[in-house]
PDB file of all heavy atoms in Angstrom:
ATOM      1  N   SER A   1      91.349 102.455  94.346  1.00  0.00           N
ATOM      2  CA  SER A   1      92.676 103.008  94.125  1.00  0.00           C
ATOM      3  C   SER A   1      93.670 102.560  95.174  1.00  0.00           C
ATOM      4  O   SER A   1      94.862 102.358  94.927  1.00  0.00           O
ATOM      5  CB  SER A   1      92.627 104.549  94.098  1.00  0.00           C
ATOM      6  OG  SER A   1      92.127 105.048  95.289  1.00  0.00           O
ATOM      7  N   ASP A   2      93.180 102.307  96.434  1.00  0.00           N
ATOM      8  CA  ASP A   2      94.109 101.765  97.457  1.00  0.00           C
ATOM      9  C   ASP A   2      94.605 100.379  97.102  1.00  0.00           C
ATOM     10  O   ASP A   2      95.811 100.051  97.276  1.00  0.00           O
ATOM     11  CB  ASP A   2      93.423 101.705  98.814  1.00  0.00           C
ATOM     12  CG  ASP A   2      93.215 103.101  99.442  1.00  0.00           C
ATOM     13  OD1 ASP A   2      93.967 104.039  99.019  1.00  0.00           O
ATOM     14  OD2 ASP A   2      92.323 103.254 100.296  1.00  0.00           O
ATOM     15  N   GLU A   3      93.703  99.556  96.554  1.00  0.00           N
ATOM     16  CA  GLU A   3      94.168  98.169  96.135  1.00  0.00           C
ATOM     17  C   GLU A   3      95.129  98.330  94.941  1.00  0.00           C
ATOM     18  O   GLU A   3      96.136  97.550  94.926  1.00  0.00           O
ATOM     19  CB  GLU A   3      92.970  97.323  95.729  1.00  0.00           C
ATOM     20  CG  GLU A   3      92.097  96.928  96.905  1.00  0.00           C
ATOM     21  CD  GLU A   3      90.810  96.258  96.435  1.00  0.00           C
ATOM     22  OE1 GLU A   3      90.156  96.735  95.480  1.00  0.00           O
ATOM     23  OE2 GLU A   3      90.509  95.184  97.100  1.00  0.00           O
ATOM     24  N   ILE A   4      94.892  99.173  94.047  1.00  0.00           N
ATOM     25  CA  ILE A   4      95.770  99.345  92.886  1.00  0.00           C
ATOM     26  C   ILE A   4      97.124  99.868  93.405  1.00  0.00           C
ATOM     27  O   ILE A   4      98.189  99.320  92.968  1.00  0.00           O
ATOM     28  CB  ILE A   4      95.211 100.337  91.859  1.00  0.00           C
ATOM     29  CG1 ILE A   4      94.003  99.744  91.180  1.00  0.00           C
ATOM     30  CG2 ILE A   4      96.281 100.765  90.853  1.00  0.00           C
ATOM     31  CD1 ILE A   4      93.230 100.766  90.324  1.00  0.00           C
ATOM     32  N   ASN A   5      97.193 100.799  94.373  1.00  0.00           N
ATOM     33  CA  ASN A   5      98.466 101.241  94.910  1.00  0.00           C
ATOM     34  C   ASN A   5      99.167 100.126  95.566  1.00  0.00           C
ATOM     35  O   ASN A   5     100.393 100.018  95.456  1.00  0.00           O
ATOM     36  CB  ASN A   5      98.229 102.429  95.846  1.00  0.00           C
ATOM     37  CG  ASN A   5      97.889 103.724  95.139  1.00  0.00           C
ATOM     38  OD1 ASN A   5      98.147 103.861  93.953  1.00  0.00           O
ATOM     39  ND2 ASN A   5      97.164 104.585  95.804  1.00  0.00           N
ATOM     40  N   ASP A   6      98.513  99.291  96.349  1.00  0.00           N
ATOM     41  CA  ASP A   6      99.143  98.111  96.957  1.00  0.00           C
ATOM     42  C   ASP A   6      99.668  97.194  95.983  1.00  0.00           C
ATOM     43  O   ASP A   6     100.867  96.696  96.138  1.00  0.00           O
ATOM     44  CB  ASP A   6      98.118  97.395  97.844  1.00  0.00           C
ATOM     45  CG  ASP A   6      97.710  98.154  99.104  1.00  0.00           C
ATOM     46  OD1 ASP A   6      98.416  99.144  99.447  1.00  0.00           O
ATOM     47  OD2 ASP A   6      96.719  97.737  99.717  1.00  0.00           O
ATOM     48  N   VAL A   7      98.998  96.911  94.901  1.00  0.00           N
ATOM     49  CA  VAL A   7      99.494  96.033  93.859  1.00  0.00           C
ATOM     50  C   VAL A   7     100.758  96.651  93.266  1.00  0.00           C
ATOM     51  O   VAL A   7     101.765  95.939  93.092  1.00  0.00           O
ATOM     52  CB  VAL A   7      98.440  95.771  92.789  1.00  0.00           C
ATOM     53  CG1 VAL A   7      98.964  95.194  91.512  1.00  0.00           C
ATOM     54  CG2 VAL A   7      97.344  94.912  93.302  1.00  0.00           C
ATOM     55  N   ARG A   8     100.690  97.875  92.887  1.00  0.00           N
ATOM     56  CA  ARG A   8     101.789  98.543  92.226  1.00  0.00           C
ATOM     57  C   ARG A   8     103.014  98.520  93.138  1.00  0.00           C
ATOM     58  O   ARG A   8     104.125  98.293  92.790  1.00  0.00           O
ATOM     59  CB  ARG A   8     101.463  99.968  91.809  1.00  0.00           C
ATOM     60  CG  ARG A   8     100.482  99.882  90.612  1.00  0.00           C
ATOM     61  CD  ARG A   8     100.019 101.306  90.192  1.00  0.00           C
ATOM     62  NE  ARG A   8     101.118 102.160  89.816  1.00  0.00           N
ATOM     63  CZ  ARG A   8     101.745 102.198  88.666  1.00  0.00           C
ATOM     64  NH1 ARG A   8     101.340 101.422  87.665  1.00  0.00           N
ATOM     65  NH2 ARG A   8     102.741 103.050  88.373  1.00  0.00           N
ATOM     66  N   THR A   9     102.822  98.803  94.414  1.00  0.00           N
ATOM     67  CA  THR A   9     103.877  98.801  95.396  1.00  0.00           C
ATOM     68  C   THR A   9     104.586  97.441  95.532  1.00  0.00           C
ATOM     69  O   THR A   9     105.778  97.328  95.542  1.00  0.00           O
ATOM     70  CB  THR A   9     103.386  99.278  96.792  1.00  0.00           C
ATOM     71  OG1 THR A   9     102.920 100.648  96.696  1.00  0.00           O
ATOM     72  CG2 THR A   9     104.461  99.191  97.858  1.00  0.00           C
ATOM     73  N   ASN A  10     103.709  96.408  95.515  1.00  0.00           N
ATOM     74  CA  ASN A  10     104.263  95.041  95.645  1.00  0.00           C
ATOM     75  C   ASN A  10     105.050  94.682  94.377  1.00  0.00           C
ATOM     76  O   ASN A  10     106.141  94.070  94.463  1.00  0.00           O
ATOM     77  CB  ASN A  10     103.198  94.010  95.887  1.00  0.00           C
ATOM     78  CG  ASN A  10     102.556  94.133  97.249  1.00  0.00           C
ATOM     79  OD1 ASN A  10     103.226  94.666  98.144  1.00  0.00           O
ATOM     80  ND2 ASN A  10     101.371  93.667  97.405  1.00  0.00           N
ATOM     81  N   ILE A  11     104.580  95.083  93.216  1.00  0.00           N
ATOM     82  CA  ILE A  11     105.335  94.791  92.026  1.00  0.00           C
ATOM     83  C   ILE A  11     106.668  95.572  92.032  1.00  0.00           C
ATOM     84  O   ILE A  11     107.733  95.029  91.690  1.00  0.00           O
ATOM     85  CB  ILE A  11     104.452  95.182  90.752  1.00  0.00           C
ATOM     86  CG1 ILE A  11     103.272  94.190  90.674  1.00  0.00           C
ATOM     87  CG2 ILE A  11     105.316  95.150  89.485  1.00  0.00           C
ATOM     88  CD1 ILE A  11     102.177  94.596  89.692  1.00  0.00           C
ATOM     89  N   ILE A  12     106.668  96.819  92.337  1.00  0.00           N
ATOM     90  CA  ILE A  12     107.831  97.684  92.418  1.00  0.00           C
ATOM     91  C   ILE A  12     108.818  96.998  93.362  1.00  0.00           C
ATOM     92  O   ILE A  12     110.016  96.895  93.019  1.00  0.00           O
ATOM     93  CB  ILE A  12     107.534  99.072  92.824  1.00  0.00           C
ATOM     94  CG1 ILE A  12     106.777  99.824  91.678  1.00  0.00           C
ATOM     95  CG2 ILE A  12     108.741  99.888  93.229  1.00  0.00           C
ATOM     96  CD1 ILE A  12     106.145 101.120  92.044  1.00  0.00           C
ATOM     97  N   GLU A  13     108.427  96.643  94.590  1.00  0.00           N
ATOM     98  CA  GLU A  13     109.383  96.015  95.500  1.00  0.00           C
ATOM     99  C   GLU A  13     109.987  94.708  95.019  1.00  0.00           C
ATOM    100  O   GLU A  13     111.125  94.525  95.221  1.00  0.00           O
ATOM    101  CB  GLU A  13     108.631  95.852  96.868  1.00  0.00           C
ATOM    102  CG  GLU A  13     108.366  97.161  97.538  1.00  0.00           C
ATOM    103  CD  GLU A  13     107.476  97.009  98.840  1.00  0.00           C
ATOM    104  OE1 GLU A  13     107.011  95.874  99.136  1.00  0.00           O
ATOM    105  OE2 GLU A  13     107.305  98.060  99.463  1.00  0.00           O
ATOM    106  N   THR A  14     109.180  93.990  94.343  1.00  0.00           N
ATOM    107  CA  THR A  14     109.685  92.728  93.766  1.00  0.00           C
ATOM    108  C   THR A  14     110.678  92.967  92.705  1.00  0.00           C
ATOM    109  O   THR A  14     111.765  92.340  92.669  1.00  0.00           O
ATOM    110  CB  THR A  14     108.508  91.821  93.182  1.00  0.00           C
ATOM    111  OG1 THR A  14     107.589  91.520  94.283  1.00  0.00           O
ATOM    112  CG2 THR A  14     109.015  90.590  92.565  1.00  0.00           C
ATOM    113  N   VAL A  15     110.435  93.944  91.779  1.00  0.00           N
ATOM    114  CA  VAL A  15     111.359  94.271  90.741  1.00  0.00           C
ATOM    115  C   VAL A  15     112.659  94.823  91.302  1.00  0.00           C
ATOM    116  O   VAL A  15     113.761  94.456  90.893  1.00  0.00           O
ATOM    117  CB  VAL A  15     110.735  95.238  89.733  1.00  0.00           C
ATOM    118  CG1 VAL A  15     111.762  95.841  88.775  1.00  0.00           C
ATOM    119  CG2 VAL A  15     109.553  94.642  89.012  1.00  0.00           C
ATOM    120  N   LEU A  16     112.573  95.694  92.331  1.00  0.00           N
ATOM    121  CA  LEU A  16     113.770  96.212  92.958  1.00  0.00           C
ATOM    122  C   LEU A  16     114.611  95.052  93.666  1.00  0.00           C
ATOM    123  O   LEU A  16     115.830  95.122  93.582  1.00  0.00           O
ATOM    124  CB  LEU A  16     113.441  97.277  93.976  1.00  0.00           C
ATOM    125  CG  LEU A  16     112.829  98.540  93.329  1.00  0.00           C
ATOM    126  CD1 LEU A  16     112.470  99.529  94.475  1.00  0.00           C
ATOM    127  CD2 LEU A  16     113.868  99.168  92.403  1.00  0.00           C
ATOM    128  N   ARG A  17     113.900  94.130  94.268  1.00  0.00           N
ATOM    129  CA  ARG A  17     114.658  92.988  94.881  1.00  0.00           C
ATOM    130  C   ARG A  17     115.357  92.146  93.826  1.00  0.00           C
ATOM    131  O   ARG A  17     116.455  91.673  94.020  1.00  0.00           O
ATOM    132  CB  ARG A  17     113.687  92.177  95.743  1.00  0.00           C
ATOM    133  CG  ARG A  17     113.343  92.933  96.988  1.00  0.00           C
ATOM    134  CD  ARG A  17     112.331  92.109  97.905  1.00  0.00           C
ATOM    135  NE  ARG A  17     112.927  90.809  98.263  1.00  0.00           N
ATOM    136  CZ  ARG A  17     112.180  89.749  98.556  1.00  0.00           C
ATOM    137  NH1 ARG A  17     110.859  89.823  98.567  1.00  0.00           N
ATOM    138  NH2 ARG A  17     112.804  88.612  98.877  1.00  0.00           N
ATOM    139  N   LEU A  18     114.654  91.945  92.698  1.00  0.00           N
ATOM    140  CA  LEU A  18     115.303  91.258  91.591  1.00  0.00           C
ATOM    141  C   LEU A  18     116.530  91.975  91.060  1.00  0.00           C
ATOM    142  O   LEU A  18     117.530  91.386  90.765  1.00  0.00           O
ATOM    143  CB  LEU A  18     114.331  90.942  90.434  1.00  0.00           C
ATOM    144  CG  LEU A  18     113.294  89.875  90.731  1.00  0.00           C
ATOM    145  CD1 LEU A  18     112.143  89.906  89.736  1.00  0.00           C
ATOM    146  CD2 LEU A  18     113.979  88.502  90.753  1.00  0.00           C
ATOM    147  N   TYR A  19     116.391  93.219  90.953  1.00  0.00           N
ATOM    148  CA  TYR A  19     117.543  94.108  90.457  1.00  0.00           C
ATOM    149  C   TYR A  19     118.694  93.866  91.444  1.00  0.00           C
ATOM    150  O   TYR A  19     119.831  93.639  90.997  1.00  0.00           O
ATOM    151  CB  TYR A  19     117.187  95.567  90.403  1.00  0.00           C
ATOM    152  CG  TYR A  19     118.373  96.345  90.049  1.00  0.00           C
ATOM    153  CD1 TYR A  19     118.632  96.668  88.703  1.00  0.00           C
ATOM    154  CD2 TYR A  19     119.261  96.827  90.957  1.00  0.00           C
ATOM    155  CE1 TYR A  19     119.782  97.363  88.306  1.00  0.00           C
ATOM    156  CE2 TYR A  19     120.430  97.571  90.625  1.00  0.00           C
ATOM    157  CZ  TYR A  19     120.633  97.827  89.285  1.00  0.00           C
ATOM    158  OH  TYR A  19     121.754  98.527  88.912  1.00  0.00           O
ATOM    159  N   GLN A  20     118.423  93.980  92.720  1.00  0.00           N
ATOM    160  CA  GLN A  20     119.522  93.726  93.686  1.00  0.00           C
ATOM    161  C   GLN A  20     120.156  92.332  93.573  1.00  0.00           C
ATOM    162  O   GLN A  20     121.358  92.227  93.631  1.00  0.00           O
ATOM    163  CB  GLN A  20     118.938  93.950  95.165  1.00  0.00           C
ATOM    164  CG  GLN A  20     118.537  95.376  95.413  1.00  0.00           C
ATOM    165  CD  GLN A  20     117.781  95.485  96.739  1.00  0.00           C
ATOM    166  OE1 GLN A  20     117.248  94.570  97.239  1.00  0.00           O
ATOM    167  NE2 GLN A  20     117.665  96.729  97.186  1.00  0.00           N
ATOM    168  N   LYS A  21     119.261  91.342  93.387  1.00  0.00           N
ATOM    169  CA  LYS A  21     119.826  89.972  93.253  1.00  0.00           C
ATOM    170  C   LYS A  21     120.682  89.843  92.013  1.00  0.00           C
ATOM    171  O   LYS A  21     121.852  89.347  92.120  1.00  0.00           O
ATOM    172  CB  LYS A  21     118.599  88.981  93.177  1.00  0.00           C
ATOM    173  CG  LYS A  21     119.062  87.587  92.912  1.00  0.00           C
ATOM    174  CD  LYS A  21     117.843  86.607  92.725  1.00  0.00           C
ATOM    175  CE  LYS A  21     118.348  85.196  92.420  1.00  0.00           C
ATOM    176  NZ  LYS A  21     117.223  84.279  92.446  1.00  0.00           N
ATOM    177  N   PHE A  22     120.255  90.269  90.891  1.00  0.00           N
ATOM    178  CA  PHE A  22     121.009  90.097  89.634  1.00  0.00           C
ATOM    179  C   PHE A  22     122.227  91.075  89.638  1.00  0.00           C
ATOM    180  O   PHE A  22     123.271  90.685  89.085  1.00  0.00           O
ATOM    181  CB  PHE A  22     120.136  90.335  88.411  1.00  0.00           C
ATOM    182  CG  PHE A  22     119.164  89.307  88.192  1.00  0.00           C
ATOM    183  CD1 PHE A  22     117.749  89.626  88.151  1.00  0.00           C
ATOM    184  CD2 PHE A  22     119.471  87.985  88.087  1.00  0.00           C
ATOM    185  CE1 PHE A  22     116.822  88.618  87.928  1.00  0.00           C
ATOM    186  CE2 PHE A  22     118.546  87.008  87.886  1.00  0.00           C
ATOM    187  CZ  PHE A  22     117.219  87.318  87.805  1.00  0.00           C
ATOM    188  N   ASN A  23     122.116  92.238  90.159  1.00  0.00           N
ATOM    189  CA  ASN A  23     123.235  93.113  90.278  1.00  0.00           C
ATOM    190  C   ASN A  23     124.397  92.551  91.148  1.00  0.00           C
ATOM    191  O   ASN A  23     125.515  92.697  90.846  1.00  0.00           O
ATOM    192  CB  ASN A  23     122.721  94.536  90.740  1.00  0.00           C
ATOM    193  CG  ASN A  23     123.855  95.575  90.568  1.00  0.00           C
ATOM    194  OD1 ASN A  23     124.332  95.752  89.510  1.00  0.00           O
ATOM    195  ND2 ASN A  23     124.107  96.289  91.591  1.00  0.00           N
ATOM    196  N   GLY A  24     123.887  91.901  92.211  1.00  0.00           N
ATOM    197  CA  GLY A  24     124.873  91.324  93.128  1.00  0.00           C
ATOM    198  C   GLY A  24     125.680  90.173  92.453  1.00  0.00           C
ATOM    199  O   GLY A  24     126.818  90.032  92.762  1.00  0.00           O
TER     200      GLY A  24
END
């Protein structure tokens, strides 16, 4: 579950950074 949480966190952070890039 810790590995799954790390994976999900990394995916979430990447998606949020993409949102910021495209929104900008």
